C-alpha cells in the first residue's frame, strides 16, 4: 500500500482563514481526549511514529491519520515524547 503524502507537522486546516483557525482550535482542545484508553494512546503513537518514519500502514486513511495525530499531540510531550500526566 502506498504511503500517504501528508505533512502532519503542519496544521490540517488553513490557518489564514477564520474557519481554519477555529477548526484547528476546537480539535486541539477537545476534552474528550482525556477519556482515551491507554491502548488508544499507544495505537495513536504507533501510527504517528510509523508515518513520520515513512513506513506504510495498512488501511490507513487520511482521517484516521489526523485523528491519531490529534490524540497523540494531546497526550505526549512534543520534545521528550513521553506520556504527560494530565490530572
Protein backbone atom coordinates (compact mmCIF):
# COMPACT_ATOMS: atom_id res chain seq x y z
CA UNK A 1 0.00 0.00 0.00
CA UNK A 2 1.28 3.47 -0.84
CA UNK A 3 2.39 5.84 1.88
CA UNK A 4 0.07 8.81 2.43
CA UNK A 5 1.80 12.06 1.44
CA UNK A 6 0.52 14.17 4.33
CA UNK A 7 2.60 16.57 6.40
CA UNK A 8 1.27 16.04 9.91
CA UNK A 9 3.72 18.56 11.33
CA UNK A 10 1.62 21.39 9.86
CA UNK A 11 -1.99 22.16 10.85
CA UNK A 12 -4.62 20.29 8.85
CA UNK A 13 -6.73 23.37 8.18
CA UNK A 14 -5.76 26.64 6.50
CA UNK A 15 -4.62 28.99 9.26
CA UNK A 16 -5.10 32.08 7.09
CA UNK A 17 -8.90 31.78 7.42
CA UNK A 18 -11.10 32.18 10.47
CA UNK A 19 -12.81 28.84 9.80
CA UNK A 20 -9.49 27.03 9.53
CA UNK A 21 -8.21 28.54 12.76
CA UNK A 22 -11.48 27.74 14.56
CA UNK A 23 -11.45 24.10 13.41
CA UNK A 24 -7.82 23.75 14.48
CA UNK A 25 -8.57 25.24 17.91
CA UNK A 26 -11.62 23.05 18.59
CA UNK A 27 -9.83 19.87 17.53
CA UNK A 28 -6.70 20.74 19.51
CA UNK A 29 -8.63 21.49 22.71
CA UNK A 30 -11.04 18.53 22.53
CA UNK A 31 -11.72 17.50 26.17
CA UNK A 32 -12.88 14.04 25.06
CA UNK A 33 -9.22 13.13 24.57
CA UNK A 34 -8.99 12.90 28.37
CA UNK A 35 -11.08 9.72 28.21
CA UNK A 36 -8.89 7.90 25.68
CA UNK A 37 -7.71 4.49 26.87
CA UNK A 38 -4.06 3.58 27.26
CA UNK A 39 -4.35 1.27 24.25
CA UNK A 40 -5.85 4.04 22.11
CA UNK A 41 -2.94 6.32 23.04
CA UNK A 42 -0.43 3.59 22.22
CA UNK A 43 -2.09 2.92 18.87
CA UNK A 44 -2.09 6.65 18.05
CA UNK A 45 1.60 6.90 18.97
CA UNK A 46 2.44 3.92 16.77
CA UNK A 47 0.58 5.37 13.78
CA UNK A 48 2.23 8.79 14.11
CA UNK A 49 5.74 7.39 14.60
CA UNK A 50 5.41 4.97 11.68
CA UNK A 51 4.07 7.71 9.41
CA UNK A 52 6.90 10.08 10.36
CA UNK A 53 9.49 7.38 9.68
CA UNK A 54 7.98 6.73 6.23
CA UNK A 55 6.60 3.25 6.93
CA UNK A 56 3.45 2.29 5.06
CA UNK A 57 0.49 1.49 7.31
CA UNK A 58 -2.15 -0.90 6.01
CA UNK A 59 -5.70 0.52 5.69
CA UNK A 60 -4.69 3.96 6.95
CA UNK A 61 -6.92 6.76 5.71
CA UNK A 62 -6.20 10.47 5.91
CA UNK A 63 -8.94 10.87 8.53
CA UNK A 64 -7.52 8.06 10.71
CA UNK A 65 -4.06 9.59 10.46
CA UNK A 66 -5.26 13.03 11.60
CA UNK A 67 -7.32 11.55 14.45
CA UNK A 68 -4.28 9.60 15.64
CA UNK A 69 -2.09 12.70 15.35
CA UNK A 70 -4.53 14.83 17.37
CA UNK A 71 -4.81 12.19 20.08
CA UNK A 72 -1.02 11.76 20.12
CA UNK A 73 -0.46 15.51 20.46
CA UNK A 74 -2.93 15.69 23.35
CA UNK A 75 -1.13 13.05 25.40
CA UNK A 76 2.59 13.06 24.57
CA UNK A 77 5.13 15.81 25.21
CA UNK A 78 6.36 17.31 21.92
CA UNK A 79 10.05 17.37 22.95
CA UNK A 80 10.55 14.33 25.18
CA UNK A 81 7.84 12.17 23.52
CA UNK A 82 6.86 10.94 26.99
CA UNK A 83 3.25 10.50 28.00
CA UNK A 84 2.12 13.50 30.05
CA UNK A 85 0.16 13.25 33.27
CA UNK A 86 -2.88 15.46 32.75
CA UNK A 87 -4.80 15.29 36.02
